[in-house]
Amino acid sequence: MPGDGSAGAAVPGADGTPGARSPIRAGRNLPAALGVGLLLGGLAIVTLFTVKATFLIYLAVAVGVALWELSRALGTRDIGLPLVPVAVGGVAAAVLPYWWGGRALVACVAFTVIAILAWRLTGGTAGYLRDVTAGVFAVGYLPLMAGFVALMLAMPDGSRRILVFIILAVCSDIGGYFTGILLGRHLMVPAISPKKTWEGFAGSALFCVVAGAITLPLLLNGAVWQGLLVGAAALLAATLGDLAESAIKRDLEIKDMGRILPGHGGVLDRLDSLALAAPVVWLLLLVFIPAAAHH
């Protein structure tokens, strides 16, 4: 996301202030990150354009692993995430809307909350509210958002909608990453993320709106102006998701949510921006291109 990987220590400026900084090499293992990114993208495309329901397996695995990573991270602060009901109900919330729509998503989330309340009772009252709150947060943070991906996929042109969604996320990440490396000078929110720069954000914005302007007319027969708006909205949601996860990690005093993806960190480190962008892209595409949903 914006400026990601453009890390550099703040250095005194000409006036002696610590705000100025010089760009340095990326913090990621770029070859590993590129290889993993191509593999993940290839799997998404293969599943989307063969038997698109198989993409739900991909989605369910990603959500399950991300919830496990979140559980481990919260455990460093003695927060006991009720992982069994969160994972079972969460995966259901992420995939069942493909067949049964938004009502299934609402029902899955509601029953998962009930299950969390019941499951945690067996652990006694000490820390009950803390752990239950963590469980409800986890369900809202990942499975609920993933459910909107399933809703997009369920449409007749769902594969192309998901492809637009993925392209926007990838372009936002690439634009921010390389612009941050080359031009990053001014930190966005140093108290939350020491690597995000305004220059990286500008690169993300450029790539995202251009990608939207190209992909919406090309893949969904939308208008260029609609693509520009979808790209801009996806950018803002993705940036918020990235910064929110950075705040969580700083609060927990950890660098990455996991190490399962070389060059990227954990699965949750890749899903942070996608999660918040999913309902935004779903809604705007539904408003701008509703006809295909009813064919």
Protein backbone atom coordinates (compact mmCIF):
# COMPACT_ATOMS: atom_id res chain seq x y z
CA MET A 1 0.00 0.00 0.00
CA PRO A 2 1.09 3.66 -0.11
CA GLY A 3 4.81 3.83 0.41
CA ASP A 4 4.96 0.26 1.71
CA GLY A 5 8.53 -0.90 1.66
CA SER A 6 9.92 2.59 1.30
CA ALA A 7 11.28 2.46 4.80
CA GLY A 8 13.96 4.86 5.82
CA ALA A 9 15.06 6.44 9.01
CA ALA A 10 14.02 10.03 9.42
CA VAL A 11 17.02 12.30 9.00
CA PRO A 12 17.45 15.92 10.04
CA GLY A 13 16.49 18.40 7.37
CA ALA A 14 18.33 21.58 6.47
CA ASP A 15 16.69 23.35 9.37
CA GLY A 16 17.59 20.59 11.80
CA THR A 17 14.06 19.19 12.01
CA PRO A 18 13.67 15.40 11.99
CA GLY A 19 10.86 15.34 9.44
CA ALA A 20 12.86 15.02 6.23
CA ARG A 21 13.94 11.59 5.05
CA SER A 22 15.91 10.08 2.22
CA PRO A 23 14.66 7.16 0.12
CA ILE A 24 16.48 3.87 0.59
CA ARG A 25 16.14 0.40 -0.79
CA ALA A 26 12.98 -1.59 -0.24
CA GLY A 27 12.52 -3.53 2.96
CA ARG A 28 10.94 -6.50 1.19
CA ASN A 29 12.73 -9.43 -0.38
CA LEU A 30 11.58 -8.32 -3.80
CA PRO A 31 12.23 -11.55 -5.81
CA ALA A 32 10.44 -13.63 -3.17
CA ALA A 33 7.59 -11.13 -2.93
CA LEU A 34 7.21 -11.10 -6.71
CA GLY A 35 7.21 -14.89 -6.96
CA VAL A 36 4.65 -15.30 -4.19
CA GLY A 37 2.50 -12.53 -5.67
CA LEU A 38 2.50 -14.18 -9.10
CA LEU A 39 1.60 -17.55 -7.57
CA LEU A 40 -1.28 -16.12 -5.55
CA GLY A 41 -2.55 -14.12 -8.53
CA GLY A 42 -2.27 -17.11 -10.83
CA LEU A 43 -4.28 -19.30 -8.46
CA ALA A 44 -6.96 -16.63 -8.26
CA ILE A 45 -7.25 -16.34 -12.05
CA VAL A 46 -7.28 -20.10 -12.61
CA THR A 47 -10.05 -20.65 -10.09
CA LEU A 48 -12.08 -17.65 -11.23
CA PHE A 49 -12.11 -18.60 -14.89
CA THR A 50 -12.45 -22.38 -14.70
CA VAL A 51 -15.03 -23.42 -12.07
CA LYS A 52 -15.53 -20.13 -10.29
CA ALA A 53 -16.98 -21.77 -7.16
CA THR A 54 -13.50 -23.21 -6.53
CA PHE A 55 -12.38 -19.66 -5.79
CA LEU A 56 -14.36 -20.06 -2.56
CA ILE A 57 -11.86 -22.71 -1.43
CA TYR A 58 -9.09 -20.22 -2.00
CA LEU A 59 -11.05 -17.57 -0.09
CA ALA A 60 -11.87 -19.92 2.81
CA VAL A 61 -8.25 -21.01 3.23
CA ALA A 62 -7.05 -17.40 3.21
CA VAL A 63 -9.62 -16.36 5.82
CA GLY A 64 -8.87 -19.39 8.00
CA VAL A 65 -5.10 -18.83 7.97
CA ALA A 66 -5.53 -15.09 8.59
CA LEU A 67 -7.75 -15.79 11.62
CA TRP A 68 -5.14 -18.21 12.96
CA GLU A 69 -2.45 -15.54 12.55
CA LEU A 70 -4.64 -12.99 14.31
CA SER A 71 -5.23 -15.45 17.16
CA ARG A 72 -1.49 -15.95 17.63
CA ALA A 73 -0.84 -12.21 17.51
CA LEU A 74 -3.53 -11.47 20.11
CA GLY A 75 -2.11 -14.23 22.27
CA THR A 76 1.06 -12.17 22.74
CA ARG A 77 -1.08 -9.85 24.87
CA ASP A 78 -2.91 -12.70 26.66
CA ILE A 79 -6.06 -12.15 24.62
CA GLY A 80 -7.67 -15.52 24.05
CA LEU A 81 -9.46 -15.41 20.72
CA PRO A 82 -12.19 -18.14 20.69
CA LEU A 83 -10.67 -19.55 17.51
CA VAL A 84 -12.93 -22.57 16.94
CA PRO A 85 -16.28 -20.74 16.69
CA VAL A 86 -14.61 -17.76 14.99
CA ALA A 87 -12.98 -19.94 12.34
CA VAL A 88 -15.95 -22.26 11.70
CA GLY A 89 -18.53 -19.49 11.63
CA GLY A 90 -16.15 -17.17 9.84
CA VAL A 91 -15.46 -19.52 6.98
CA ALA A 92 -19.20 -20.13 6.64
CA ALA A 93 -19.82 -16.38 6.52
CA ALA A 94 -17.16 -16.03 3.84
CA VAL A 95 -18.47 -18.69 1.46
CA LEU A 96 -22.20 -19.36 2.01
CA PRO A 97 -23.33 -15.99 0.58
CA TYR A 98 -22.24 -17.33 -2.81
CA TRP A 99 -25.26 -19.64 -2.78
CA TRP A 100 -27.71 -17.96 -0.41
CA GLY A 101 -26.95 -14.26 -0.67
CA GLY A 102 -26.76 -11.47 1.87
CA ARG A 103 -29.21 -13.11 4.27
CA ALA A 104 -26.80 -16.00 4.72
CA LEU A 105 -24.00 -13.54 5.50
CA VAL A 106 -26.06 -11.78 8.18
CA ALA A 107 -27.22 -15.09 9.68
CA CYS A 108 -23.71 -16.57 9.76
CA VAL A 109 -22.28 -13.52 11.51
CA ALA A 110 -25.13 -13.46 14.05
CA PHE A 111 -24.86 -17.16 14.90
CA THR A 112 -21.08 -16.93 15.09
CA VAL A 113 -21.40 -14.18 17.72
CA ILE A 114 -23.80 -16.39 19.68
CA ALA A 115 -21.36 -19.29 19.43
CA ILE A 116 -18.49 -17.08 20.66
CA LEU A 117 -20.51 -16.03 23.71
CA ALA A 118 -21.34 -19.66 24.52
CA TRP A 119 -17.88 -21.11 23.78
CA ARG A 120 -16.01 -18.64 25.97
CA LEU A 121 -18.25 -19.39 28.97
CA THR A 122 -16.31 -22.61 29.51
CA GLY A 123 -13.19 -20.56 30.28
CA GLY A 124 -14.65 -18.80 33.30
CA THR A 125 -15.40 -15.16 33.89
CA ALA A 126 -11.86 -13.79 34.10
CA GLY A 127 -11.17 -12.00 30.82
CA TYR A 128 -14.56 -13.03 29.41
CA LEU A 129 -15.46 -9.62 27.98
CA ARG A 130 -11.94 -9.10 26.61
CA ASP A 131 -11.89 -12.43 24.75
CA VAL A 132 -15.48 -12.18 23.49
CA THR A 133 -14.82 -8.67 22.21
CA ALA A 134 -11.74 -9.95 20.37
CA GLY A 135 -13.82 -12.73 18.81
CA VAL A 136 -16.55 -10.38 17.60
CA PHE A 137 -13.91 -8.00 16.24
CA ALA A 138 -12.23 -10.85 14.36
CA VAL A 139 -15.51 -11.88 12.73
CA GLY A 140 -16.25 -8.34 11.62
CA TYR A 141 -12.70 -7.68 10.49
CA LEU A 142 -12.25 -10.68 8.18
CA PRO A 143 -15.20 -13.07 7.52
CA LEU A 144 -17.82 -10.33 7.24
CA MET A 145 -15.69 -8.46 4.72
CA ALA A 146 -14.87 -11.67 2.83
CA GLY A 147 -18.58 -12.37 2.53
CA PHE A 148 -18.85 -9.42 0.15
CA VAL A 149 -16.31 -11.12 -2.10
CA ALA A 150 -18.61 -14.14 -2.23
CA LEU A 151 -21.54 -11.85 -3.05
CA MET A 152 -19.59 -10.37 -5.95
CA LEU A 153 -18.60 -13.81 -7.17
CA ALA A 154 -22.21 -15.04 -7.15
CA MET A 155 -23.23 -12.63 -9.91
CA PRO A 156 -23.29 -13.88 -13.51
CA ASP A 157 -20.26 -11.73 -14.28
CA GLY A 158 -18.81 -12.37 -10.83
CA SER A 159 -15.44 -13.62 -12.05
CA ARG A 160 -14.84 -10.34 -13.87
CA ARG A 161 -16.00 -8.30 -10.88
CA ILE A 162 -13.53 -10.12 -8.64
CA LEU A 163 -10.81 -9.61 -11.24
CA VAL A 164 -11.46 -5.85 -11.21
CA PHE A 165 -11.32 -5.92 -7.41
CA ILE A 166 -7.99 -7.79 -7.41
CA ILE A 167 -6.45 -5.60 -10.12
CA LEU A 168 -7.32 -2.45 -8.19
CA ALA A 169 -5.71 -3.85 -5.03
CA VAL A 170 -2.59 -4.97 -6.88
CA CYS A 171 -2.20 -1.65 -8.70
CA SER A 172 -2.63 0.26 -5.45
CA ASP A 173 0.07 -1.87 -3.82
CA ILE A 174 2.51 -1.68 -6.75
CA GLY A 175 1.99 2.03 -7.28
CA GLY A 176 2.56 2.83 -3.63
CA TYR A 177 5.49 0.46 -3.29
CA PHE A 178 7.63 1.69 -6.17
CA THR A 179 6.69 5.35 -5.87
CA GLY A 180 7.50 5.17 -2.18
CA ILE A 181 10.92 3.67 -2.92
CA LEU A 182 11.82 6.18 -5.60
CA LEU A 183 10.27 9.38 -4.29
CA GLY A 184 9.15 8.78 -0.71
CA ARG A 185 10.13 11.72 1.51
CA HIS A 186 7.15 12.79 3.58
CA LEU A 187 5.64 10.37 6.09
CA MET A 188 1.87 10.04 6.17
CA VAL A 189 1.24 8.87 9.73
CA PRO A 190 4.60 8.12 11.36
CA ALA A 191 2.97 7.32 14.71
CA ILE A 192 1.11 4.43 13.03
CA SER A 193 3.30 3.40 10.12
CA PRO A 194 6.91 4.54 9.72
CA LYS A 195 6.99 3.47 6.06
CA LYS A 196 3.93 5.07 4.50
CA THR A 197 4.62 8.25 2.58
CA TRP A 198 2.48 10.82 0.82
CA GLU A 199 4.46 10.19 -2.35
CA GLY A 200 3.62 6.51 -2.10
CA PHE A 201 -0.03 7.39 -1.57
CA ALA A 202 0.04 9.54 -4.70
CA GLY A 203 1.52 6.62 -6.65
CA SER A 204 -1.21 4.33 -5.34
CA ALA A 205 -3.84 6.89 -6.30
CA LEU A 206 -2.51 7.25 -9.84
CA PHE A 207 -2.29 3.50 -10.46
CA CYS A 208 -5.66 2.80 -8.84
CA VAL A 209 -7.75 5.36 -10.72
CA VAL A 210 -6.09 4.52 -14.04
CA ALA A 211 -6.70 0.82 -13.41
CA GLY A 212 -10.34 1.54 -12.62
CA ALA A 213 -10.76 3.69 -15.74
CA ILE A 214 -9.36 0.85 -17.88
CA THR A 215 -10.84 -2.26 -16.27
CA LEU A 216 -14.43 -1.14 -15.72
CA PRO A 217 -15.12 -0.38 -19.40
CA LEU A 218 -13.01 -3.33 -20.59
CA LEU A 219 -14.31 -6.06 -18.26
CA LEU A 220 -17.75 -4.84 -17.15
CA ASN A 221 -18.88 -2.43 -19.90
CA GLY A 222 -18.88 0.41 -17.40
CA ALA A 223 -18.10 4.07 -18.05
CA VAL A 224 -14.67 5.58 -17.60
CA TRP A 225 -15.94 8.00 -14.95
CA GLN A 226 -17.38 5.07 -13.01
CA GLY A 227 -14.01 3.36 -13.14
CA LEU A 228 -12.32 6.48 -11.84
CA LEU A 229 -14.72 6.62 -8.88
CA VAL A 230 -14.40 2.91 -8.09
CA GLY A 231 -10.61 3.20 -8.25
CA ALA A 232 -10.57 6.21 -5.93
CA ALA A 233 -12.94 4.58 -3.44
CA ALA A 234 -10.96 1.33 -3.47
CA LEU A 235 -7.78 3.32 -2.84
CA LEU A 236 -9.21 5.06 0.22
CA ALA A 237 -10.64 1.86 1.69
CA ALA A 238 -7.45 -0.10 1.03
CA THR A 239 -5.29 2.62 2.58
CA LEU A 240 -7.50 2.68 5.67
CA GLY A 241 -7.23 -1.11 5.91
CA ASP A 242 -3.47 -0.98 5.64
CA LEU A 243 -3.14 1.72 8.29
CA ALA A 244 -5.61 -0.04 10.61
CA GLU A 245 -3.58 -3.24 10.50
CA SER A 246 -0.39 -1.23 11.11
CA ALA A 247 -2.04 0.28 14.19
CA ILE A 248 -3.00 -3.20 15.43
CA LYS A 249 0.57 -4.44 14.97
CA ARG A 250 2.06 -1.44 16.74
CA ASP A 251 -0.39 -1.90 19.59
CA LEU A 252 0.65 -5.56 19.87
CA GLU A 253 4.32 -4.61 19.32
CA ILE A 254 4.89 -7.05 16.46
CA LYS A 255 6.37 -6.49 13.00
CA ASP A 256 4.30 -8.90 10.90
CA MET A 257 1.22 -11.01 11.54
CA GLY A 258 3.07 -14.08 10.28
CA ARG A 259 5.83 -15.40 8.03
CA ILE A 260 3.98 -17.86 5.82
CA LEU A 261 4.41 -15.72 2.66
CA PRO A 262 8.07 -14.95 1.88
CA GLY A 263 8.55 -11.29 1.06
CA HIS A 264 5.06 -10.41 2.29
CA GLY A 265 4.82 -11.52 5.92
CA GLY A 266 1.60 -13.23 6.88
CA VAL A 267 -1.62 -13.84 4.98
CA LEU A 268 -3.29 -11.14 7.06
CA ASP A 269 -0.57 -8.72 5.99
CA ARG A 270 -1.82 -9.23 2.41
CA LEU A 271 -5.54 -9.20 3.24
CA ASP A 272 -5.58 -6.03 5.33
CA SER A 273 -6.29 -3.67 2.43
CA LEU A 274 -8.40 -6.17 0.48
CA ALA A 275 -10.73 -6.75 3.43
CA LEU A 276 -11.91 -3.16 3.75
CA ALA A 277 -12.00 -2.57 0.01
CA ALA A 278 -14.30 -5.57 -0.63
CA PRO A 279 -17.65 -4.09 0.54
CA VAL A 280 -16.81 -0.74 -1.04
CA VAL A 281 -16.09 -2.23 -4.47
CA TRP A 282 -19.09 -4.59 -4.18
CA LEU A 283 -21.48 -1.72 -3.46
CA LEU A 284 -20.20 0.64 -6.15
CA LEU A 285 -20.21 -2.07 -8.82
CA LEU A 286 -23.74 -3.03 -7.79
CA VAL A 287 -24.87 0.60 -8.14
CA PHE A 288 -23.01 1.33 -11.40
CA ILE A 289 -23.48 -2.02 -13.15
CA PRO A 290 -26.66 -3.60 -11.74
CA ALA A 291 -28.07 -5.17 -14.90
CA ALA A 292 -25.65 -8.10 -15.04
CA ALA A 293 -26.66 -9.07 -11.53
CA HIS A 294 -30.22 -9.77 -12.74
CA HIS A 295 -29.63 -11.55 -16.04
